[in-house]
Protein backbone atom coordinates (compact mmCIF):
# COMPACT_ATOMS: atom_id res chain seq x y z
CA MET A 1 0.04 0.01 0.03
CA ARG A 2 1.53 3.27 -1.09
CA TYR A 3 -0.17 5.49 1.57
CA SER A 4 -0.61 5.34 5.25
CA LEU A 5 -3.61 5.90 7.49
CA ARG A 6 -1.67 8.65 9.11
CA GLN A 7 -1.50 10.39 5.73
CA LEU A 8 -5.20 9.97 5.40
CA GLU A 9 -5.73 11.44 8.96
CA VAL A 10 -3.75 14.52 7.92
CA PHE A 11 -5.63 14.86 4.61
CA LEU A 12 -9.05 14.64 6.32
CA SER A 13 -8.11 16.99 9.18
CA ALA A 14 -6.67 19.54 6.68
CA ALA A 15 -9.94 19.27 4.72
CA HIS A 16 -11.95 19.91 7.86
CA PHE A 17 -9.98 22.82 9.30
CA GLU A 18 -8.71 24.25 5.97
CA ASN A 19 -5.56 25.03 7.75
CA ILE A 20 -2.51 22.85 8.28
CA THR A 21 -1.55 24.29 11.70
CA ARG A 22 -4.93 23.56 13.23
CA ALA A 23 -5.02 20.08 11.46
CA ALA A 24 -1.63 19.27 13.07
CA GLU A 25 -2.83 20.50 16.50
CA SER A 26 -5.80 18.30 16.35
CA LEU A 27 -3.62 15.23 15.58
CA SER A 28 -0.98 16.19 18.15
CA MET A 29 1.59 16.58 15.40
CA SER A 30 4.04 19.34 14.66
CA GLN A 31 3.18 21.53 11.69
CA SER A 32 6.22 20.38 9.76
CA ALA A 33 5.27 16.72 10.22
CA ALA A 34 1.73 17.28 9.09
CA SER A 35 2.90 19.30 6.11
CA SER A 36 5.32 16.53 5.15
CA ALA A 37 2.68 13.84 5.47
CA LEU A 38 0.36 15.80 3.22
CA ARG A 39 3.04 16.61 0.71
CA GLU A 40 4.20 13.12 0.55
CA PHE A 41 0.70 11.89 0.08
CA GLU A 42 0.17 14.15 -2.94
CA GLN A 43 3.62 13.43 -4.44
CA GLN A 44 3.22 9.67 -4.21
CA PHE A 45 0.33 9.81 -6.68
CA ASP A 46 1.37 12.98 -8.57
CA ILE A 47 -1.82 14.70 -7.49
CA ARG A 48 -2.94 18.07 -5.94
CA LEU A 49 -5.86 17.75 -3.33
CA PHE A 50 -6.02 21.41 -2.29
CA ASP A 51 -5.97 24.98 -3.72
CA ARG A 52 -3.60 26.88 -1.51
CA VAL A 53 -4.59 30.54 -0.84
CA GLY A 54 -2.25 32.02 1.71
CA LYS A 55 -2.44 29.84 4.82
CA ARG A 56 -5.92 28.51 3.81
CA LEU A 57 -6.26 25.02 2.25
CA GLN A 58 -9.44 24.66 0.11
CA LEU A 59 -10.27 21.15 -1.29
CA ASN A 60 -10.16 21.07 -5.14
CA GLU A 61 -12.52 19.05 -7.20
CA PHE A 62 -10.38 15.87 -6.95
CA GLY A 63 -9.98 16.36 -3.25
CA ARG A 64 -13.69 16.57 -2.82
CA GLN A 65 -14.08 13.31 -4.88
CA ILE A 66 -11.79 11.23 -2.71
CA ARG A 67 -12.72 12.77 0.72
CA SER A 68 -15.85 10.58 1.16
CA LYS A 69 -13.78 7.43 0.30
CA ALA A 70 -11.09 8.44 2.73
CA GLU A 71 -13.73 9.16 5.51
CA ALA A 72 -15.25 5.72 5.04
CA MET A 73 -11.88 3.96 5.10
CA MET A 74 -10.84 5.88 8.31
CA ALA A 75 -14.17 4.97 9.93
CA GLN A 76 -13.62 1.26 9.30
CA ALA A 77 -10.02 1.61 10.59
CA VAL A 78 -11.31 3.20 13.79
CA ALA A 79 -13.88 0.55 14.24
CA LEU A 80 -11.35 -2.18 13.80
CA GLU A 81 -9.06 -0.48 16.38
CA GLN A 82 -11.81 -0.37 18.85
CA ALA A 83 -12.73 -3.96 18.32
CA LEU A 84 -9.03 -5.01 18.86
CA THR A 85 -8.53 -2.66 21.87
CA HIS A 86 -11.78 -3.13 23.73
CA HIS A 87 -13.05 -6.32 22.24
CA GLU A 88 -16.18 -4.59 21.05
CA ASP A 89 -17.37 -2.78 18.01
CA LEU A 90 -19.44 0.12 19.48
CA GLY A 91 -17.50 3.27 20.05
CA HIS A 92 -17.96 6.96 19.90
CA LEU A 93 -21.13 7.91 17.93
CA LYS A 94 -21.68 11.40 16.66
CA VAL A 95 -25.43 12.14 16.24
CA GLY A 96 -27.10 15.22 14.90
CA ALA A 97 -30.71 15.92 15.51
CA THR A 98 -33.23 18.75 14.81
CA LEU A 99 -34.59 20.59 17.80
CA THR A 100 -37.85 18.69 18.16
CA ILE A 101 -36.16 15.28 17.90
CA GLY A 102 -33.05 16.26 19.88
CA ASN A 103 -34.96 17.75 22.81
CA TYR A 104 -37.92 15.39 22.97
CA VAL A 105 -36.93 12.05 21.37
CA ALA A 106 -33.16 11.54 20.93
CA VAL A 107 -32.22 11.78 24.62
CA GLN A 108 -34.31 8.72 25.59
CA ILE A 109 -32.77 6.81 22.76
CA MET A 110 -29.32 7.86 23.88
CA ALA A 111 -30.06 6.71 27.49
CA ARG A 112 -31.08 3.19 26.10
CA TYR A 113 -27.99 3.00 23.95
CA MET A 114 -25.65 3.91 26.73
CA ALA A 115 -27.37 1.53 29.15
CA GLN A 116 -26.96 -1.40 26.79
CA GLN A 117 -23.39 -0.40 25.91
CA PRO A 118 -21.60 0.68 29.16
CA GLY A 119 -18.64 2.89 28.32
CA ALA A 120 -20.01 3.89 24.86
CA ARG A 121 -19.74 7.72 24.15
CA ILE A 122 -22.40 9.69 22.22
CA THR A 123 -22.13 13.34 21.13
CA LEU A 124 -25.56 14.80 20.37
CA ASP A 125 -25.52 18.07 18.41
CA VAL A 126 -28.92 19.81 18.14
CA HIS A 127 -29.41 22.17 15.11
CA ASN A 128 -31.99 22.77 12.44
CA THR A 129 -32.37 20.56 9.42
CA ARG A 130 -30.06 22.45 7.24
CA GLU A 131 -27.19 22.43 9.76
CA VAL A 132 -27.61 18.74 10.58
CA ALA A 133 -27.50 17.86 6.82
CA ASP A 134 -24.28 19.96 6.38
CA GLY A 135 -22.76 18.06 9.35
CA VAL A 136 -23.46 14.76 7.83
CA LEU A 137 -22.32 15.88 4.38
CA ASN A 138 -18.97 16.99 5.87
CA PHE A 139 -18.57 13.80 7.98
CA ASN A 140 -18.74 15.77 11.19
CA LEU A 141 -21.79 13.72 12.14
CA ASP A 142 -22.18 10.00 11.68
CA ILE A 143 -26.00 10.14 11.37
CA GLY A 144 -28.65 12.78 11.29
CA LEU A 145 -32.16 12.73 12.66
CA ILE A 146 -34.26 15.39 10.83
CA GLU A 147 -37.86 16.52 10.64
CA GLY A 148 -37.60 18.30 7.24
CA GLU A 149 -37.87 16.84 3.73
CA LEU A 150 -34.54 16.74 2.07
CA GLN A 151 -32.87 15.56 -1.17
CA HIS A 152 -29.13 15.43 -1.80
CA PRO A 153 -27.27 13.03 -4.15
CA ASP A 154 -24.69 12.32 -1.47
CA LEU A 155 -27.20 11.52 1.26
CA VAL A 156 -29.28 8.38 1.92
CA VAL A 157 -32.66 9.73 3.37
CA THR A 158 -34.78 6.99 5.05
CA PRO A 159 -38.28 7.62 6.49
CA TRP A 160 -38.44 6.96 10.26
CA ARG A 161 -41.73 7.87 12.00
CA ASP A 162 -44.83 10.01 11.49
CA ASP A 163 -45.29 13.34 13.20
CA GLU A 164 -47.98 16.09 13.25
CA LEU A 165 -47.89 19.82 13.78
CA VAL A 166 -50.44 21.60 15.96
CA VAL A 167 -51.62 25.19 15.89
CA PHE A 168 -51.93 26.46 19.53
CA CYS A 169 -52.48 29.52 21.63
CA ALA A 170 -52.73 30.78 25.20
CA PRO A 171 -55.95 29.84 27.16
CA ASP A 172 -57.09 33.48 27.21
CA HIS A 173 -56.46 34.17 23.54
CA PRO A 174 -59.57 35.21 21.50
CA LEU A 175 -59.34 32.09 19.31
CA ALA A 176 -59.05 29.70 22.27
CA THR A 177 -62.73 28.85 22.31
CA ARG A 178 -63.05 28.25 18.60
CA SER A 179 -64.16 24.69 17.50
CA ALA A 180 -62.25 25.17 14.27
CA LEU A 181 -60.20 27.81 12.48
CA SER A 182 -60.90 29.20 9.03
CA ASP A 183 -58.38 30.55 6.56
CA ASP A 184 -59.57 34.00 7.52
CA ASP A 185 -58.71 33.23 11.24
CA LEU A 186 -55.23 32.09 10.16
CA VAL A 187 -54.66 35.24 8.04
CA ASN A 188 -55.93 37.62 10.74
CA ALA A 189 -53.84 36.04 13.48
CA THR A 190 -50.40 37.11 14.71
CA TRP A 191 -47.85 34.22 14.39
CA ILE A 192 -44.73 33.09 16.36
CA SER A 193 -42.87 30.74 14.09
CA ARG A 194 -39.71 28.74 13.60
CA GLU A 195 -36.91 30.13 11.52
CA GLN A 196 -36.26 29.41 7.88
CA GLY A 197 -34.11 26.24 7.40
CA SER A 198 -35.97 24.21 10.10
CA GLY A 199 -38.02 21.20 9.37
CA THR A 200 -40.95 22.52 11.37
CA ARG A 201 -40.96 25.80 9.25
CA GLN A 202 -40.79 23.74 6.11
CA THR A 203 -43.91 21.76 7.02
CA PHE A 204 -45.72 24.93 8.23
CA ASP A 205 -44.99 26.67 5.02
CA ARG A 206 -46.28 23.71 2.97
CA ALA A 207 -49.39 23.39 5.08
CA MET A 208 -50.14 27.15 4.61
CA TYR A 209 -49.81 27.08 0.84
CA GLY A 210 -51.76 29.83 -0.81
CA LEU A 211 -51.89 31.87 2.42
CA LEU A 212 -48.34 32.27 3.42
CA PRO A 213 -47.82 35.73 1.85
CA GLN A 214 -50.70 37.01 3.83
CA LEU A 215 -49.68 35.58 7.19
CA ASN A 216 -48.48 38.07 9.89
CA LEU A 217 -45.24 36.21 11.03
CA ALA A 218 -44.47 38.66 13.80
CA LEU A 219 -41.59 36.67 15.38
CA GLU A 220 -39.25 33.97 14.03
CA LEU A 221 -37.50 32.06 16.81
CA GLN A 222 -34.92 29.32 16.71
CA HIS A 223 -36.03 27.53 19.81
CA THR A 224 -39.20 25.56 20.62
CA GLU A 225 -39.41 26.54 24.24
CA ALA A 226 -38.98 30.24 23.31
CA ILE A 227 -41.99 29.92 20.96
CA LYS A 228 -44.10 28.28 23.67
CA ARG A 229 -43.20 30.98 26.17
CA ALA A 230 -44.06 33.72 23.56
CA VAL A 231 -47.48 32.18 22.91
CA GLU A 232 -48.17 31.66 26.64
CA ALA A 233 -47.52 35.38 27.05
CA GLY A 234 -50.14 36.24 24.50
CA LEU A 235 -47.85 37.47 21.76
CA GLY A 236 -49.54 35.34 19.11
CA ILE A 237 -50.27 31.85 18.08
CA GLY A 238 -47.84 29.14 17.11
CA CYS A 239 -47.40 25.92 15.24
CA LEU A 240 -45.13 23.18 16.58
CA SER A 241 -44.88 19.34 16.77
CA ARG A 242 -47.52 17.69 18.99
CA ILE A 243 -44.54 15.95 20.78
CA THR A 244 -43.39 19.24 22.10
CA LEU A 245 -46.79 20.41 23.32
CA SER A 246 -48.27 17.43 25.16
CA ASP A 247 -47.05 18.50 28.61
CA ALA A 248 -48.34 22.09 28.04
CA PHE A 249 -51.73 20.85 26.93
CA ARG A 250 -52.03 18.60 29.94
CA ARG A 251 -51.25 21.43 32.27
CA GLY A 252 -53.60 23.82 30.46
CA SER A 253 -50.97 26.46 29.84
CA LEU A 254 -51.57 26.19 26.09
CA VAL A 255 -54.61 25.20 24.06
CA GLU A 256 -54.78 23.35 20.73
CA LEU A 257 -56.53 25.11 17.88
CA PRO A 258 -58.19 22.74 15.33
CA VAL A 259 -57.08 23.47 11.73
CA THR A 260 -58.74 20.37 10.07
CA HIS A 261 -58.66 21.68 6.49
CA ARG A 262 -54.75 22.04 6.41
CA ASP A 263 -52.42 19.16 6.20
CA LEU A 264 -50.02 19.41 9.18
CA THR A 265 -48.64 15.94 9.01
CA ARG A 266 -44.98 15.02 8.28
CA GLN A 267 -42.33 12.37 8.70
CA PHE A 268 -39.06 12.22 10.64
CA TYR A 269 -36.08 10.80 8.67
CA PHE A 270 -32.58 9.31 9.09
CA ILE A 271 -29.80 10.75 7.05
CA VAL A 272 -26.37 9.22 6.44
CA HIS A 273 -23.63 9.98 3.81
CA ARG A 274 -23.83 7.59 0.92
CA GLU A 275 -20.19 6.78 1.46
CA LYS A 276 -20.43 6.37 5.20
CA PHE A 277 -19.23 3.12 6.69
CA ILE A 278 -22.17 1.88 8.79
CA SER A 279 -20.54 0.63 11.93
CA PRO A 280 -22.21 -1.62 14.43
CA GLY A 281 -22.68 1.37 16.75
CA ILE A 282 -24.77 3.15 13.89
CA GLU A 283 -26.69 0.03 13.22
CA ARG A 284 -27.64 -0.35 17.00
CA TRP A 285 -28.57 3.30 17.21
CA LEU A 286 -30.95 2.84 14.19
CA GLU A 287 -32.46 -0.19 15.69
CA LEU A 288 -33.25 1.72 18.91
CA CYS A 289 -34.69 4.58 16.90
CA GLN A 290 -37.02 2.10 15.08
CA GLN A 291 -38.06 0.54 18.40
CA SER A 292 -38.94 3.97 19.83
């Protein structure tokens, strides 16, 4: 074999940080050693993997082509090392989840995973759909759990479970006693909504097709709890996953508003990079998700 795993590590770290000094630090190497490893890697195959602009390293087209294959190979090498060292295949798992899933679903799955695999480590990053997808595409995340529809040639998107958005308000809101809301009610209301790029906002925009330009979106907030607090304070009405609202409905601090003529259903999805090595840890995580 004409290349080493160390050279692949340097290449992937340089691709991630776009800087050889930071790449070397992340690998506990000197800058000169990292630079030499990368230079030898390119010279062995008479290739260029980066465009060099000052101190910045930016992957060129060929570098982008081989990055996914290098990531898959390194993932397999890490899994083998863990199996040899610890006599097990489940290691550090990096999971990305959107806000609804991360705050209300993924934590329970993580607890079951860690209970079944003592010593296993999980990093859970919670972002909106767009940011989780970027993390999976750049191999910063092993798997993503998202609530928005997504298509990308480098991602495998698998349906997971059904979900439903619910329109809601404070108990003393003028609409709280309505048996059903009309389109006129929706247009005349003041809305507190999720931000663009979130799966919840994507489903909301689709459900309000034909009305969206007329809606008064007074506030766009990134966090589910902030939206619930704003609605409780009487600043407007909201639309979030039923999963996030069950406790508030039970306490009576928020009230569901029936909008039966608009389709507020959606699905949750798994996303993984098409070139990602599916380790036993990822397989086990997916099994627990399906069981949930």
